[in-house]
N, C-alpha and C. Protein backbone atom coordinates (compact mmCIF):
# COMPACT_ATOMS: atom_id res chain seq x y z
N VAL A 1 87.95 94.92 110.40
CA VAL A 1 86.30 94.38 109.52
C VAL A 1 86.94 94.14 107.97
N GLY A 2 88.26 93.87 107.77
CA GLY A 2 88.28 93.41 106.27
C GLY A 2 88.91 94.43 105.10
N ILE A 3 88.77 95.94 105.66
CA ILE A 3 88.78 96.99 104.75
C ILE A 3 90.45 97.14 103.93
N SER A 4 91.16 97.15 105.27
CA SER A 4 92.72 97.23 104.72
C SER A 4 93.00 95.84 104.01
N ALA A 5 92.31 94.64 104.44
CA ALA A 5 92.80 93.67 103.41
C ALA A 5 91.95 93.59 102.32
N ALA A 6 90.73 94.36 102.05
CA ALA A 6 90.23 94.46 100.74
C ALA A 6 90.82 95.20 99.94
N TYR A 7 91.83 96.53 100.24
CA TYR A 7 92.45 97.08 99.44
C TYR A 7 93.66 96.07 98.69
N GLN A 8 94.30 95.20 99.83
CA GLN A 8 95.62 94.51 99.20
C GLN A 8 95.01 93.57 98.36
N ALA A 9 94.08 92.84 98.84
CA ALA A 9 93.76 91.77 97.78
C ALA A 9 93.25 92.31 96.54
N SER A 10 92.69 93.34 96.45
CA SER A 10 92.07 93.94 95.18
C SER A 10 93.38 94.21 94.08
N GLY A 11 94.54 94.79 95.07
CA GLY A 11 95.76 94.77 94.35
C GLY A 11 96.41 93.84 93.75
N MET A 12 95.91 92.39 94.43
CA MET A 12 96.51 91.35 93.80
C MET A 12 95.63 90.89 92.92
N GLN A 13 94.57 90.94 93.23
CA GLN A 13 93.37 90.30 92.07
C GLN A 13 93.67 91.22 90.78
N LEU A 14 93.60 92.44 90.51
CA LEU A 14 94.08 93.49 89.50
C LEU A 14 95.18 92.96 88.68
N ALA A 15 96.39 92.61 89.68
CA ALA A 15 97.33 91.92 88.96
C ALA A 15 97.69 90.82 88.51
N GLY A 16 96.91 90.01 88.87
CA GLY A 16 96.45 88.79 88.03
C GLY A 16 97.02 87.68 89.25
N ALA A 17 97.64 87.96 90.24
CA ALA A 17 98.40 87.07 90.95
C ALA A 17 98.29 87.35 92.45
N GLY A 18 98.31 86.35 93.12
CA GLY A 18 98.39 86.38 94.74
C GLY A 18 97.22 86.43 95.61
N GLU A 19 97.30 85.62 96.87
CA GLU A 19 96.36 85.34 97.62
C GLU A 19 96.56 86.04 98.99
N LEU A 20 95.65 86.35 99.70
CA LEU A 20 96.02 86.92 101.02
C LEU A 20 95.07 86.35 101.90
N VAL A 21 95.71 86.33 103.23
CA VAL A 21 95.30 85.57 104.26
C VAL A 21 95.38 86.62 105.29
N SER A 22 94.15 86.85 105.89
CA SER A 22 93.75 87.93 107.01
C SER A 22 93.77 87.20 108.33
N LEU A 23 94.73 87.62 109.25
CA LEU A 23 94.28 86.88 110.50
C LEU A 23 93.47 88.07 111.28
N GLU A 24 92.33 87.20 111.71
CA GLU A 24 91.41 88.00 112.71
C GLU A 24 91.12 87.46 113.72
N GLY A 25 91.29 88.35 114.70
CA GLY A 25 91.11 87.76 116.30
C GLY A 25 89.46 87.59 116.88
N TYR A 26 88.60 87.94 115.98
CA TYR A 26 87.38 87.54 116.52
C TYR A 26 86.32 86.96 115.55
N ARG A 27 85.72 86.02 115.74
CA ARG A 27 84.86 85.63 114.55
C ARG A 27 83.96 86.75 113.96
N ASP A 28 83.44 87.12 114.90
CA ASP A 28 82.64 88.36 114.16
C ASP A 28 83.30 89.38 113.09
N LEU A 29 84.19 89.69 113.79
CA LEU A 29 84.97 90.39 112.79
C LEU A 29 85.23 90.07 111.29
N ALA A 30 85.58 88.64 111.43
CA ALA A 30 85.87 87.81 110.32
C ALA A 30 84.92 87.94 109.55
N GLU A 31 83.53 87.60 109.91
CA GLU A 31 82.57 87.36 109.25
C GLU A 31 82.10 88.48 108.71
N GLN A 32 82.23 89.85 109.37
CA GLN A 32 82.17 91.08 108.41
C GLN A 32 82.90 91.29 107.80
N ALA A 33 84.43 90.68 107.59
CA ALA A 33 85.30 90.93 106.60
C ALA A 33 84.97 90.30 105.27
N ARG A 34 84.90 88.84 105.62
CA ARG A 34 84.37 88.25 104.65
C ARG A 34 83.04 88.42 103.81
N GLU A 35 82.25 89.29 104.46
CA GLU A 35 80.74 89.56 103.58
C GLU A 35 81.29 90.78 102.74
N LEU A 36 82.29 91.55 103.28
CA LEU A 36 82.68 93.05 102.60
C LEU A 36 83.27 92.24 101.66
N TRP A 37 84.59 91.30 101.76
CA TRP A 37 85.08 90.77 100.45
C TRP A 37 84.07 90.19 99.50
N SER A 38 83.36 89.38 99.69
CA SER A 38 82.17 89.08 98.85
C SER A 38 81.47 90.02 98.30
N LYS A 39 81.11 91.25 98.84
CA LYS A 39 80.35 92.05 98.23
C LYS A 39 81.09 92.76 97.06
N VAL A 40 82.55 93.01 97.34
CA VAL A 40 83.14 93.51 96.51
C VAL A 40 83.80 92.62 95.41
N GLY A 41 83.47 91.34 95.29
CA GLY A 41 84.04 90.74 94.67
C GLY A 41 85.48 90.03 94.63
N LEU A 42 85.57 89.79 95.84
CA LEU A 42 87.03 89.43 96.21
C LEU A 42 86.90 88.04 96.36
N THR A 43 87.74 87.00 95.36
CA THR A 43 87.85 85.83 95.70
C THR A 43 89.16 85.28 96.03
N ASN A 44 90.08 86.23 96.37
CA ASN A 44 91.33 85.63 96.51
C ASN A 44 91.90 86.09 97.94
N VAL A 45 90.96 86.31 99.19
CA VAL A 45 91.29 86.42 100.36
C VAL A 45 90.48 85.32 101.32
N THR A 46 91.33 85.02 102.24
CA THR A 46 90.52 84.47 103.25
C THR A 46 90.80 84.73 104.66
N ALA A 47 89.97 84.33 105.65
CA ALA A 47 90.13 84.99 107.10
C ALA A 47 90.65 83.80 107.91
N VAL A 48 91.68 83.95 108.74
CA VAL A 48 91.84 82.61 109.70
C VAL A 48 91.61 83.53 111.07
N VAL A 49 91.05 82.79 111.72
CA VAL A 49 90.15 83.59 113.23
C VAL A 49 91.22 82.75 114.48
N GLY A 50 91.79 83.69 115.04
CA GLY A 50 92.44 83.47 116.17
C GLY A 50 93.14 84.36 116.84
N ARG A 51 93.92 83.97 118.18
CA ARG A 51 94.72 85.16 118.46
C ARG A 51 96.06 84.84 117.56
N PHE A 52 96.65 86.25 117.21
CA PHE A 52 97.54 86.48 116.21
C PHE A 52 98.70 85.37 116.72
N ARG A 53 99.09 85.29 117.99
CA ARG A 53 100.61 84.48 118.19
C ARG A 53 100.20 82.97 117.85
N GLU A 54 98.83 82.52 118.07
CA GLU A 54 98.28 81.19 117.57
C GLU A 54 98.38 80.73 116.15
N SER A 55 97.69 82.08 115.71
CA SER A 55 97.43 81.67 114.24
C SER A 55 98.36 82.02 113.18
N LEU A 56 99.22 82.95 113.33
CA LEU A 56 100.49 82.95 112.68
C LEU A 56 101.06 82.16 112.29
N PRO A 57 101.73 81.10 113.51
CA PRO A 57 102.54 80.36 113.10
C PRO A 57 102.13 79.23 112.11
N ARG A 58 100.80 79.01 112.35
CA ARG A 58 99.95 78.05 111.44
C ARG A 58 99.99 78.67 110.14
N VAL A 59 99.81 79.82 109.88
CA VAL A 59 99.65 80.55 108.28
C VAL A 59 101.32 80.57 107.92
N LEU A 60 102.10 80.69 108.41
CA LEU A 60 103.42 80.46 108.05
C LEU A 60 103.96 79.02 108.05
N ASP A 61 103.38 78.22 108.44
CA ASP A 61 103.59 76.86 108.17
C ASP A 61 102.92 76.26 106.73
N ASP A 62 102.20 76.98 106.12
CA ASP A 62 101.49 76.85 105.23
C ASP A 62 101.97 76.99 103.74
N GLY A 63 103.12 77.79 103.90
CA GLY A 63 103.66 78.16 102.61
C GLY A 63 104.70 79.55 102.21
N ASP A 64 104.66 79.27 100.85
CA ASP A 64 105.75 80.40 100.41
C ASP A 64 105.16 81.86 100.56
N LEU A 65 105.70 82.90 101.27
CA LEU A 65 105.22 83.95 101.49
C LEU A 65 106.25 85.22 100.65
N ASP A 66 105.51 86.11 100.20
CA ASP A 66 106.60 87.13 99.90
C ASP A 66 106.09 88.46 100.18
N TYR A 67 105.32 88.59 101.39
CA TYR A 67 104.21 89.63 101.67
C TYR A 67 103.84 89.67 103.07
N ALA A 68 103.95 90.68 103.81
CA ALA A 68 103.17 90.42 105.37
C ALA A 68 102.77 91.99 105.58
N PHE A 69 101.67 92.17 105.96
CA PHE A 69 101.38 93.40 106.54
C PHE A 69 101.09 93.03 108.05
N VAL A 70 101.70 93.69 108.76
CA VAL A 70 101.50 93.67 110.18
C VAL A 70 101.07 94.73 110.81
N ASP A 71 99.71 94.43 111.62
CA ASP A 71 98.95 95.14 112.15
C ASP A 71 98.30 94.55 113.20
N GLY A 72 99.08 94.06 114.00
CA GLY A 72 98.37 93.32 115.10
C GLY A 72 98.42 94.07 116.38
N ASN A 73 99.18 93.44 117.46
CA ASN A 73 99.35 94.04 118.68
C ASN A 73 100.52 95.13 118.50
N HIS A 74 99.94 96.14 119.02
CA HIS A 74 101.13 97.43 118.81
C HIS A 74 101.96 98.09 120.11
N GLN A 75 102.67 96.31 120.58
CA GLN A 75 103.53 96.74 121.65
C GLN A 75 104.92 95.95 121.03
N GLU A 76 105.96 96.79 121.56
CA GLU A 76 107.37 96.44 121.28
C GLU A 76 107.66 94.86 121.24
N ALA A 77 107.37 94.07 122.39
CA ALA A 77 107.64 92.71 122.41
C ALA A 77 107.10 91.90 121.48
N ALA A 78 105.76 92.10 121.28
CA ALA A 78 104.81 91.40 120.17
C ALA A 78 105.36 91.85 119.01
N THR A 79 105.94 93.17 118.50
CA THR A 79 106.21 93.20 117.03
C THR A 79 107.33 92.65 116.73
N LEU A 80 108.10 92.88 117.47
CA LEU A 80 109.43 91.96 117.35
C LEU A 80 109.25 90.69 117.29
N SER A 81 108.33 89.74 118.03
CA SER A 81 108.55 88.68 117.92
C SER A 81 107.63 88.16 116.46
N TYR A 82 106.59 88.99 116.03
CA TYR A 82 105.83 88.55 114.76
C TYR A 82 107.31 88.96 113.75
N PHE A 83 107.78 89.83 114.03
CA PHE A 83 108.72 90.09 112.66
C PHE A 83 109.92 88.74 112.69
N ASP A 84 110.53 88.47 114.36
CA ASP A 84 111.24 86.93 113.91
C ASP A 84 110.47 85.94 113.35
N GLY A 85 109.24 85.71 114.11
CA GLY A 85 108.42 84.39 113.10
C GLY A 85 108.40 84.98 111.90
N ILE A 86 107.97 85.84 111.32
CA ILE A 86 107.46 85.90 109.72
C ILE A 86 109.19 85.66 108.95
N THR A 87 109.94 86.26 109.54
CA THR A 87 111.42 86.36 108.54
C THR A 87 111.70 85.00 108.55
N ALA A 88 111.82 84.51 109.53
CA ALA A 88 112.33 83.18 109.65
C ALA A 88 111.48 82.23 108.89
N ARG A 89 110.32 82.90 108.04
CA ARG A 89 109.68 81.45 107.06
C ARG A 89 109.24 82.11 105.81
N VAL A 90 109.50 83.60 105.29
CA VAL A 90 109.30 84.06 104.36
C VAL A 90 110.27 83.83 103.40
N ASN A 91 109.97 84.17 102.02
CA ASN A 91 110.83 84.05 100.80
C ASN A 91 111.92 85.21 101.04
N PRO A 92 113.22 84.74 100.54
CA PRO A 92 114.42 85.85 100.53
C PRO A 92 113.54 87.03 99.32
N GLY A 93 113.91 88.36 99.81
CA GLY A 93 113.65 89.25 99.04
C GLY A 93 111.94 90.01 99.54
N ALA A 94 111.13 89.43 100.65
CA ALA A 94 109.88 89.34 101.17
C ALA A 94 109.97 91.05 101.26
N LEU A 95 108.66 91.40 101.00
CA LEU A 95 108.30 92.49 101.42
C LEU A 95 107.65 92.69 102.99
N LEU A 96 107.86 93.46 103.79
CA LEU A 96 107.02 93.46 105.19
C LEU A 96 106.66 94.84 105.42
N VAL A 97 105.41 94.79 105.98
CA VAL A 97 105.00 96.54 106.26
C VAL A 97 104.78 96.53 107.57
N PHE A 98 104.99 97.17 108.45
CA PHE A 98 104.41 97.53 109.76
C PHE A 98 103.80 98.59 109.98
N ASP A 99 102.51 98.24 110.38
CA ASP A 99 101.61 99.80 110.62
C ASP A 99 101.89 100.29 111.94
N ASP A 100 101.64 101.57 112.42
CA ASP A 100 101.64 102.43 113.20
C ASP A 100 103.12 102.22 113.91
N ILE A 101 103.79 102.53 113.44
CA ILE A 101 105.54 102.63 113.89
C ILE A 101 105.75 103.43 114.88
N ASN A 102 104.99 104.53 114.89
CA ASN A 102 105.02 105.56 115.84
C ASN A 102 104.10 105.74 116.88
N TRP A 103 103.43 104.55 116.94
CA TRP A 103 102.06 104.63 117.85
C TRP A 103 102.74 104.75 119.31
N SER A 104 103.94 104.43 119.76
CA SER A 104 104.07 104.58 121.23
C SER A 104 105.78 104.49 120.97
N PRO A 105 106.27 104.98 122.18
CA PRO A 105 107.98 104.72 122.36
C PRO A 105 108.29 103.25 122.10
N GLY A 106 107.81 101.92 122.56
CA GLY A 106 108.05 100.75 122.17
C GLY A 106 107.89 100.73 120.68
N MET A 107 106.79 101.03 119.94
CA MET A 107 106.80 100.39 118.91
C MET A 107 107.90 101.39 117.81
N ARG A 108 108.13 102.68 118.10
CA ARG A 108 109.33 103.35 117.44
C ARG A 108 110.79 102.45 117.61
N HIS A 109 110.89 101.90 119.10
CA HIS A 109 112.09 101.16 119.48
C HIS A 109 111.99 100.01 118.39
N ALA A 110 110.78 99.45 118.21
CA ALA A 110 111.05 97.96 117.65
C ALA A 110 111.20 98.08 116.24
N TRP A 111 110.73 99.14 116.05
CA TRP A 111 111.09 99.91 114.19
C TRP A 111 112.45 99.88 113.76
N GLN A 112 112.93 100.46 114.93
CA GLN A 112 114.54 100.68 114.87
C GLN A 112 115.34 99.44 114.85
N ARG A 113 114.71 98.34 115.58
CA ARG A 113 115.51 97.03 115.58
C ARG A 113 115.23 96.28 114.34
N ILE A 114 114.00 96.43 113.75
CA ILE A 114 113.71 96.07 112.65
C ILE A 114 114.56 96.44 111.58
N ARG A 115 114.50 97.73 111.18
CA ARG A 115 115.34 98.58 110.17
C ARG A 115 116.51 98.21 110.01
N ASP A 116 117.18 97.89 111.40
CA ASP A 116 118.38 97.33 111.73
C ASP A 116 118.96 96.17 111.67
N ASP A 117 118.03 95.46 111.50
CA ASP A 117 118.00 93.55 111.37
C ASP A 117 119.29 93.55 110.34
N PRO A 118 120.25 92.80 110.13
CA PRO A 118 121.14 92.58 109.30
C PRO A 118 120.57 91.76 108.01
N HIS A 119 119.63 91.17 108.19
CA HIS A 119 118.40 90.70 107.16
C HIS A 119 117.68 91.56 106.46
N VAL A 120 117.56 92.77 106.57
CA VAL A 120 116.81 93.85 106.23
C VAL A 120 117.65 94.63 104.92
N ALA A 121 117.15 94.51 103.77
CA ALA A 121 118.16 95.24 102.71
C ALA A 121 117.88 96.51 102.44
N VAL A 122 116.44 96.69 102.39
CA VAL A 122 115.98 98.20 102.42
C VAL A 122 115.01 98.17 103.39
N HIS A 123 114.90 99.70 103.95
CA HIS A 123 113.61 100.03 104.58
C HIS A 123 113.32 101.58 104.39
N ALA A 124 112.04 101.75 104.70
CA ALA A 124 111.55 103.28 104.18
C ALA A 124 110.30 103.21 105.00
N VAL A 125 109.85 104.50 105.54
CA VAL A 125 108.99 105.15 106.00
C VAL A 125 108.19 105.86 105.44
N THR A 126 106.74 105.54 105.60
CA THR A 126 105.99 106.04 104.26
C THR A 126 104.56 106.38 105.27
N GLY A 127 104.32 107.78 105.66
CA GLY A 127 103.49 107.96 106.83
C GLY A 127 103.51 107.12 108.10
N ARG A 128 102.40 106.29 108.19
CA ARG A 128 102.96 105.56 109.75
C ARG A 128 102.84 104.00 109.42
N PHE A 129 103.50 103.98 108.18
CA PHE A 129 103.84 102.42 107.98
C PHE A 129 105.63 102.45 107.81
N GLY A 130 106.15 101.29 108.19
CA GLY A 130 107.44 100.93 107.93
C GLY A 130 107.62 99.80 107.38
N VAL A 131 108.23 100.04 106.17
CA VAL A 131 108.36 98.99 105.02
C VAL A 131 110.14 98.28 105.13
N VAL A 132 109.90 97.21 105.01
CA VAL A 132 111.40 96.71 104.59
C VAL A 132 111.17 95.49 103.57
N ILE A 133 112.47 95.40 102.92
CA ILE A 133 112.67 94.43 101.84
C ILE A 133 113.41 93.63 102.53
N LEU A 134 113.37 92.31 102.48
CA LEU A 134 114.54 91.49 103.06
C LEU A 134 115.61 91.04 102.20
N SER A 135 116.70 90.91 102.55
CA SER A 135 117.93 90.26 101.71
C SER A 135 117.54 89.10 101.16
N GLY A 136 118.42 88.71 100.15
CA GLY A 136 118.69 87.56 99.62
C GLY A 136 118.92 86.44 100.23
N THR A 137 119.40 86.53 101.48
CA THR A 137 119.74 85.58 102.26
C THR A 137 118.83 84.87 103.22
N PRO A 138 118.40 83.68 103.24
CA PRO A 138 117.54 83.24 104.28
C PRO A 138 117.82 83.37 105.75
N ARG A 139 116.89 83.58 106.43
CA ARG A 139 117.38 84.01 107.52
C ARG A 139 117.56 82.72 108.73
N HIS A 140 116.76 81.45 108.41
CA HIS A 140 116.80 80.39 109.11
C HIS A 140 118.03 79.54 108.98
C-alpha cells in the first residue's frame, strides 16, 4: 500500500533529488498507495500498475536508474530474473536492495548468486535486506 515507497521517496525528496517509481500488482493497492503519498505530501513518486515481469521492463526502458528496491515475487528464479533485467539496464555504480533474502532456501540461494555475480562490487546484509553496489563496468 505504498509505505516502503513513501519512506524511500521521502528520503529522496528531503535530499532534493530523485524520483521513485513503484511497481504495484493491483490497481486498488496502487490507488491506496497514491492516496498515502498525497496525504504525506510526496510529489516525487508514481505507481505503475501491472504484473512485475511485465511492468519492470517498461520502467527499465524509461531511462537512467541508479537505485532499485526489489520486493516482488519471493522465488529464486523470479528474483534472479529481476536481478538480470535490472543490472542490464541500470547505471554503473547503482545500488540494489533485495528484501526478504532469507525468506526461503530459494531466496537464500538467489542472494548467494547475486552477491557472487562478477558485476557486484560490494555486498552487505542488513537484517532481512541484501544490498549490492554494482561495479563501474556496464553489464550489457
